[in-house]
Amino acid sequence: MEDFKEPLDINEQEDAPSSLDPTGRIALSGKELLESPEMEAFGKQVLEKENIDLRPAEIGYLLVYPNISKTVVAKCLKCSREVKYYSGYDYLIEISGEAWDFLDEKTKYMLIYHELLHIQPVFNEKKEEWNYRVRPHDFGDFYEINDKHGSDWYKTVQSTVSSLYDMNPMEEGKITF
């Protein structure tokens, strides 16, 4: 991440480079967004292995450095009309980069699985178009995950983030995704 250039002050008058960085990085309010081929590969693996069909939804995967927040590890967002126009994505899955870097492969798989279950494309037959919704949790997680895989992975994410940010047990319980 050493080669990342700080954004120019909006008031600078010199010839500024394009705000579209060819490395795929975007700096916003002290946060760095990075497209993640690794997350995308996990997404494809989850969709195939868990037999999940989210077509025709297009999904983008972003790591947020250092984090989304200290208590939000991941989130699934439905893209606005403008974001869809420029990116081609219907949904974005964002994961806190520092947390992602410390998770093992199995836990990364489960975190992506969890976020993908938020995606809910619904076909409106009357209008003959797709509506994109974000599905809420069944409880703190989804029954599909809990029934097949248990909840140990969830606790692993919480304890990893808690250790990373030196949180006490009360704060650890507030970590969400």
C-alpha atoms as a PDB file:
ATOM      1  CA  MET A   1       0.000   0.000   0.000  1.00  0.00           C
ATOM      2  CA  GLU A   2       3.079   2.252   0.000  1.00  0.00           C
ATOM      3  CA  ASP A   3       2.509   3.426  -3.568  1.00  0.00           C
ATOM      4  CA  PHE A   4      -0.918   4.913  -2.820  1.00  0.00           C
ATOM      5  CA  LYS A   5      -0.956   8.669  -3.408  1.00  0.00           C
ATOM      6  CA  GLU A   6      -2.869  10.967  -1.118  1.00  0.00           C
ATOM      7  CA  PRO A   7      -5.793  12.683  -2.888  1.00  0.00           C
ATOM      8  CA  LEU A   8      -5.036  16.213  -4.029  1.00  0.00           C
ATOM      9  CA  ASP A   9      -6.620  19.107  -2.225  1.00  0.00           C
ATOM     10  CA  ILE A  10      -9.703  20.123  -4.189  1.00  0.00           C
ATOM     11  CA  ASN A  11      -8.487  23.731  -4.119  1.00  0.00           C
ATOM     12  CA  GLU A  12      -5.133  23.022  -5.802  1.00  0.00           C
ATOM     13  CA  GLN A  13      -4.927  24.751  -9.168  1.00  0.00           C
ATOM     14  CA  GLU A  14      -2.165  22.722 -10.829  1.00  0.00           C
ATOM     15  CA  ASP A  15      -2.941  20.073 -13.431  1.00  0.00           C
ATOM     16  CA  ALA A  16      -4.336  17.254 -11.336  1.00  0.00           C
ATOM     17  CA  PRO A  17      -4.305  13.641 -12.490  1.00  0.00           C
ATOM     18  CA  SER A  18      -7.629  11.980 -13.157  1.00  0.00           C
ATOM     19  CA  SER A  19      -9.569  10.997 -10.052  1.00  0.00           C
ATOM     20  CA  LEU A  20      -9.943   7.547 -11.604  1.00  0.00           C
ATOM     21  CA  ASP A  21      -6.912   5.713 -10.269  1.00  0.00           C
ATOM     22  CA  PRO A  22      -5.857   2.879 -12.622  1.00  0.00           C
ATOM     23  CA  THR A  23      -4.831   0.730  -9.631  1.00  0.00           C
ATOM     24  CA  GLY A  24      -8.490   0.367  -8.624  1.00  0.00           C
ATOM     25  CA  ARG A  25      -7.981   2.265  -5.368  1.00  0.00           C
ATOM     26  CA  ILE A  26     -10.188   5.052  -4.095  1.00  0.00           C
ATOM     27  CA  ALA A  27      -9.460   7.134  -1.005  1.00  0.00           C
ATOM     28  CA  LEU A  28     -12.479   8.521   0.783  1.00  0.00           C
ATOM     29  CA  SER A  29     -12.519  10.186   4.202  1.00  0.00           C
ATOM     30  CA  GLY A  30      -9.400   8.412   5.382  1.00  0.00           C
ATOM     31  CA  LYS A  31     -10.605   5.045   4.079  1.00  0.00           C
ATOM     32  CA  GLU A  32      -9.129   3.166   1.141  1.00  0.00           C
ATOM     33  CA  LEU A  33     -11.376   1.031  -1.068  1.00  0.00           C
ATOM     34  CA  LEU A  34      -9.713  -1.755  -2.974  1.00  0.00           C
ATOM     35  CA  GLU A  35     -11.342  -4.161  -5.426  1.00  0.00           C
ATOM     36  CA  SER A  36     -10.626  -7.702  -4.247  1.00  0.00           C
ATOM     37  CA  PRO A  37     -10.132 -10.572  -6.695  1.00  0.00           C
ATOM     38  CA  GLU A  38      -9.626 -12.847  -3.668  1.00  0.00           C
ATOM     39  CA  MET A  39     -13.061 -11.987  -2.287  1.00  0.00           C
ATOM     40  CA  GLU A  40     -14.562 -12.449  -5.758  1.00  0.00           C
ATOM     41  CA  ALA A  41     -12.963 -15.912  -6.015  1.00  0.00           C
ATOM     42  CA  PHE A  42     -14.436 -16.852  -2.626  1.00  0.00           C
ATOM     43  CA  GLY A  43     -17.801 -15.523  -3.846  1.00  0.00           C
ATOM     44  CA  LYS A  44     -17.734 -17.735  -6.933  1.00  0.00           C
ATOM     45  CA  GLN A  45     -16.719 -20.714  -4.805  1.00  0.00           C
ATOM     46  CA  VAL A  46     -19.561 -20.115  -2.317  1.00  0.00           C
ATOM     47  CA  LEU A  47     -22.191 -19.665  -5.049  1.00  0.00           C
ATOM     48  CA  GLU A  48     -21.149 -22.929  -6.693  1.00  0.00           C
ATOM     49  CA  LYS A  49     -20.574 -25.045  -3.578  1.00  0.00           C
ATOM     50  CA  GLU A  50     -23.677 -23.847  -1.701  1.00  0.00           C
ATOM     51  CA  ASN A  51     -25.819 -23.969  -4.867  1.00  0.00           C
ATOM     52  CA  ILE A  52     -26.913 -20.331  -4.622  1.00  0.00           C
ATOM     53  CA  ASP A  53     -28.362 -18.675  -7.716  1.00  0.00           C
ATOM     54  CA  LEU A  54     -28.341 -14.887  -7.529  1.00  0.00           C
ATOM     55  CA  ARG A  55     -28.705 -14.237 -11.235  1.00  0.00           C
ATOM     56  CA  PRO A  56     -29.009 -11.716 -12.744  1.00  0.00           C
ATOM     57  CA  ALA A  57     -27.391  -9.744  -9.893  1.00  0.00           C
ATOM     58  CA  GLU A  58     -23.886  -8.413 -10.521  1.00  0.00           C
ATOM     59  CA  ILE A  59     -21.739  -8.242  -7.388  1.00  0.00           C
ATOM     60  CA  GLY A  60     -18.672  -6.138  -6.644  1.00  0.00           C
ATOM     61  CA  TYR A  61     -16.250  -6.997  -3.840  1.00  0.00           C
ATOM     62  CA  LEU A  62     -14.354  -4.305  -1.931  1.00  0.00           C
ATOM     63  CA  LEU A  63     -11.888  -4.319   0.926  1.00  0.00           C
ATOM     64  CA  VAL A  64     -12.077  -1.187   3.081  1.00  0.00           C
ATOM     65  CA  TYR A  65      -8.805  -0.203   4.764  1.00  0.00           C
ATOM     66  CA  PRO A  66      -8.233   0.061   7.564  1.00  0.00           C
ATOM     67  CA  ASN A  67     -11.861  -0.901   8.310  1.00  0.00           C
ATOM     68  CA  ILE A  68     -15.506  -0.057   7.709  1.00  0.00           C
ATOM     69  CA  SER A  69     -15.598   0.712  11.430  1.00  0.00           C
ATOM     70  CA  LYS A  70     -14.221  -1.066  14.466  1.00  0.00           C
ATOM     71  CA  THR A  71     -17.553  -2.794  15.077  1.00  0.00           C
ATOM     72  CA  VAL A  72     -18.716  -3.406  11.478  1.00  0.00           C
ATOM     73  CA  VAL A  73     -16.662  -6.136   9.835  1.00  0.00           C
ATOM     74  CA  ALA A  74     -18.671  -6.503   6.629  1.00  0.00           C
ATOM     75  CA  LYS A  75     -21.769  -5.270   4.885  1.00  0.00           C
ATOM     76  CA  CYS A  76     -23.763  -5.851   1.738  1.00  0.00           C
ATOM     77  CA  LEU A  77     -25.062  -2.782  -0.053  1.00  0.00           C
ATOM     78  CA  LYS A  78     -27.610  -2.452  -2.807  1.00  0.00           C
ATOM     79  CA  CYS A  79     -26.118  -0.073  -5.363  1.00  0.00           C
ATOM     80  CA  SER A  80     -27.822   3.176  -6.161  1.00  0.00           C
ATOM     81  CA  ARG A  81     -28.874   3.849  -9.734  1.00  0.00           C
ATOM     82  CA  GLU A  82     -25.775   6.035 -10.209  1.00  0.00           C
ATOM     83  CA  VAL A  83     -23.333   3.457  -8.820  1.00  0.00           C
ATOM     84  CA  LYS A  84     -24.973   0.779 -11.006  1.00  0.00           C
ATOM     85  CA  TYR A  85     -24.552   3.032 -14.046  1.00  0.00           C
ATOM     86  CA  TYR A  86     -20.833   3.604 -13.461  1.00  0.00           C
ATOM     87  CA  SER A  87     -19.835   0.219 -12.037  1.00  0.00           C
ATOM     88  CA  GLY A  88     -22.274  -2.270 -13.544  1.00  0.00           C
ATOM     89  CA  TYR A  89     -22.866  -3.762 -10.084  1.00  0.00           C
ATOM     90  CA  ASP A  90     -26.235  -4.296  -8.419  1.00  0.00           C
ATOM     91  CA  TYR A  91     -24.634  -5.020  -5.033  1.00  0.00           C
ATOM     92  CA  LEU A  92     -21.348  -4.299  -3.280  1.00  0.00           C
ATOM     93  CA  ILE A  93     -19.930  -6.506  -0.561  1.00  0.00           C
ATOM     94  CA  GLU A  94     -17.530  -4.556   1.631  1.00  0.00           C
ATOM     95  CA  ILE A  95     -15.238  -6.162   4.202  1.00  0.00           C
ATOM     96  CA  SER A  96     -12.885  -4.437   6.636  1.00  0.00           C
ATOM     97  CA  GLY A  97      -9.429  -5.015   5.173  1.00  0.00           C
ATOM     98  CA  GLU A  98      -7.493  -5.363   8.421  1.00  0.00           C
ATOM     99  CA  ALA A  99      -9.918  -8.021   9.693  1.00  0.00           C
ATOM    100  CA  TRP A 100      -9.880  -9.856   6.322  1.00  0.00           C
ATOM    101  CA  ASP A 101      -6.080 -10.025   6.396  1.00  0.00           C
ATOM    102  CA  PHE A 102      -6.147 -11.866   9.739  1.00  0.00           C
ATOM    103  CA  LEU A 103      -8.911 -14.395   8.948  1.00  0.00           C
ATOM    104  CA  ASP A 104      -8.195 -17.998   7.942  1.00  0.00           C
ATOM    105  CA  GLU A 105      -9.513 -19.428   4.659  1.00  0.00           C
ATOM    106  CA  LYS A 106     -12.542 -21.178   6.208  1.00  0.00           C
ATOM    107  CA  THR A 107     -13.650 -18.046   8.050  1.00  0.00           C
ATOM    108  CA  LYS A 108     -13.218 -15.909   4.904  1.00  0.00           C
ATOM    109  CA  TYR A 109     -15.428 -18.407   3.048  1.00  0.00           C
ATOM    110  CA  MET A 110     -18.095 -18.198   5.756  1.00  0.00           C
ATOM    111  CA  LEU A 111     -18.004 -14.403   5.891  1.00  0.00           C
ATOM    112  CA  ILE A 112     -18.507 -14.154   2.126  1.00  0.00           C
ATOM    113  CA  TYR A 113     -21.270 -16.802   2.356  1.00  0.00           C
ATOM    114  CA  HIS A 114     -23.002 -14.728   5.038  1.00  0.00           C
ATOM    115  CA  GLU A 115     -22.815 -11.525   2.978  1.00  0.00           C
ATOM    116  CA  LEU A 116     -24.039 -13.255  -0.197  1.00  0.00           C
ATOM    117  CA  LEU A 117     -27.161 -14.411   1.662  1.00  0.00           C
ATOM    118  CA  HIS A 118     -28.136 -10.735   2.018  1.00  0.00           C
ATOM    119  CA  ILE A 119     -28.565 -10.527  -1.757  1.00  0.00           C
ATOM    120  CA  GLN A 120     -32.166 -10.969  -2.855  1.00  0.00           C
ATOM    121  CA  PRO A 121     -33.038 -10.326  -6.495  1.00  0.00           C
ATOM    122  CA  VAL A 122     -36.810 -10.599  -7.007  1.00  0.00           C
ATOM    123  CA  PHE A 123     -38.504 -10.644 -10.402  1.00  0.00           C
ATOM    124  CA  ASN A 124     -41.568  -8.395 -10.692  1.00  0.00           C
ATOM    125  CA  GLU A 125     -43.744 -10.172 -13.259  1.00  0.00           C
ATOM    126  CA  LYS A 126     -46.155  -7.266 -13.570  1.00  0.00           C
ATOM    127  CA  LYS A 127     -43.407  -4.824 -14.578  1.00  0.00           C
ATOM    128  CA  GLU A 128     -41.250  -7.567 -16.105  1.00  0.00           C
ATOM    129  CA  GLU A 129     -38.139  -6.320 -14.308  1.00  0.00           C
ATOM    130  CA  TRP A 130     -35.798  -7.304 -11.509  1.00  0.00           C
ATOM    131  CA  ASN A 131     -35.989  -5.592  -8.132  1.00  0.00           C
ATOM    132  CA  TYR A 132     -32.914  -5.812  -5.938  1.00  0.00           C
ATOM    133  CA  ARG A 133     -33.362  -6.047  -2.192  1.00  0.00           C
ATOM    134  CA  VAL A 134     -31.102  -6.610   0.794  1.00  0.00           C
ATOM    135  CA  ARG A 135     -32.321  -9.540   2.856  1.00  0.00           C
ATOM    136  CA  PRO A 136     -32.194  -9.045   6.648  1.00  0.00           C
ATOM    137  CA  HIS A 137     -30.794 -11.675   9.027  1.00  0.00           C
ATOM    138  CA  ASP A 138     -33.066 -14.469  10.234  1.00  0.00           C
ATOM    139  CA  PHE A 139     -31.487 -13.816  13.642  1.00  0.00           C
ATOM    140  CA  GLY A 140     -27.876 -12.628  14.223  1.00  0.00           C
ATOM    141  CA  ASP A 141     -27.029 -14.889  11.260  1.00  0.00           C
ATOM    142  CA  PHE A 142     -28.932 -16.947   8.687  1.00  0.00           C
ATOM    143  CA  TYR A 143     -30.532 -20.329   9.377  1.00  0.00           C
ATOM    144  CA  GLU A 144     -28.893 -21.812   6.253  1.00  0.00           C
ATOM    145  CA  ILE A 145     -25.435 -21.136   7.676  1.00  0.00           C
ATOM    146  CA  ASN A 146     -26.207 -22.063  11.266  1.00  0.00           C
ATOM    147  CA  ASP A 147     -27.861 -25.364  10.288  1.00  0.00           C
ATOM    148  CA  LYS A 148     -25.016 -26.424   7.954  1.00  0.00           C
ATOM    149  CA  HIS A 149     -21.939 -24.890   9.549  1.00  0.00           C
ATOM    150  CA  GLY A 150     -22.750 -23.838  13.118  1.00  0.00           C
ATOM    151  CA  SER A 151     -21.674 -20.541  14.631  1.00  0.00           C
ATOM    152  CA  ASP A 152     -17.993 -21.062  15.483  1.00  0.00           C
ATOM    153  CA  TRP A 153     -16.943 -19.045  12.415  1.00  0.00           C
ATOM    154  CA  TYR A 154     -19.004 -16.089  13.698  1.00  0.00           C
ATOM    155  CA  LYS A 155     -17.196 -16.186  17.039  1.00  0.00           C
ATOM    156  CA  THR A 156     -13.855 -16.433  15.211  1.00  0.00           C
ATOM    157  CA  VAL A 157     -14.561 -13.190  13.338  1.00  0.00           C
ATOM    158  CA  GLN A 158     -15.628 -11.420  16.519  1.00  0.00           C
ATOM    159  CA  SER A 159     -12.588 -12.559  18.525  1.00  0.00           C
ATOM    160  CA  THR A 160     -10.209 -11.689  15.655  1.00  0.00           C
ATOM    161  CA  VAL A 161     -11.566  -8.157  15.383  1.00  0.00           C
ATOM    162  CA  SER A 162     -11.682  -7.796  19.168  1.00  0.00           C
ATOM    163  CA  SER A 163      -8.000  -8.749  19.394  1.00  0.00           C
ATOM    164  CA  LEU A 164      -7.075  -6.504  16.477  1.00  0.00           C
ATOM    165  CA  TYR A 165      -8.593  -3.435  18.144  1.00  0.00           C
ATOM    166  CA  ASP A 166      -7.949  -4.441  21.789  1.00  0.00           C
ATOM    167  CA  MET A 167     -11.647  -4.484  22.693  1.00  0.00           C
ATOM    168  CA  ASN A 168     -13.180  -5.590  25.971  1.00  0.00           C
ATOM    169  CA  PRO A 169     -15.848  -8.367  26.054  1.00  0.00           C
ATOM    170  CA  MET A 170     -18.731  -5.862  26.036  1.00  0.00           C
ATOM    171  CA  GLU A 171     -17.393  -4.226  22.867  1.00  0.00           C
ATOM    172  CA  GLU A 172     -16.731  -7.622  21.247  1.00  0.00           C
ATOM    173  CA  GLY A 173     -20.425  -8.463  21.510  1.00  0.00           C
ATOM    174  CA  LYS A 174     -21.267  -5.387  19.418  1.00  0.00           C
ATOM    175  CA  ILE A 175     -19.204  -6.517  16.409  1.00  0.00           C
ATOM    176  CA  THR A 176     -21.576  -7.067  13.494  1.00  0.00           C
ATOM    177  CA  PHE A 177     -21.622  -8.099   9.856  1.00  0.00           C
END
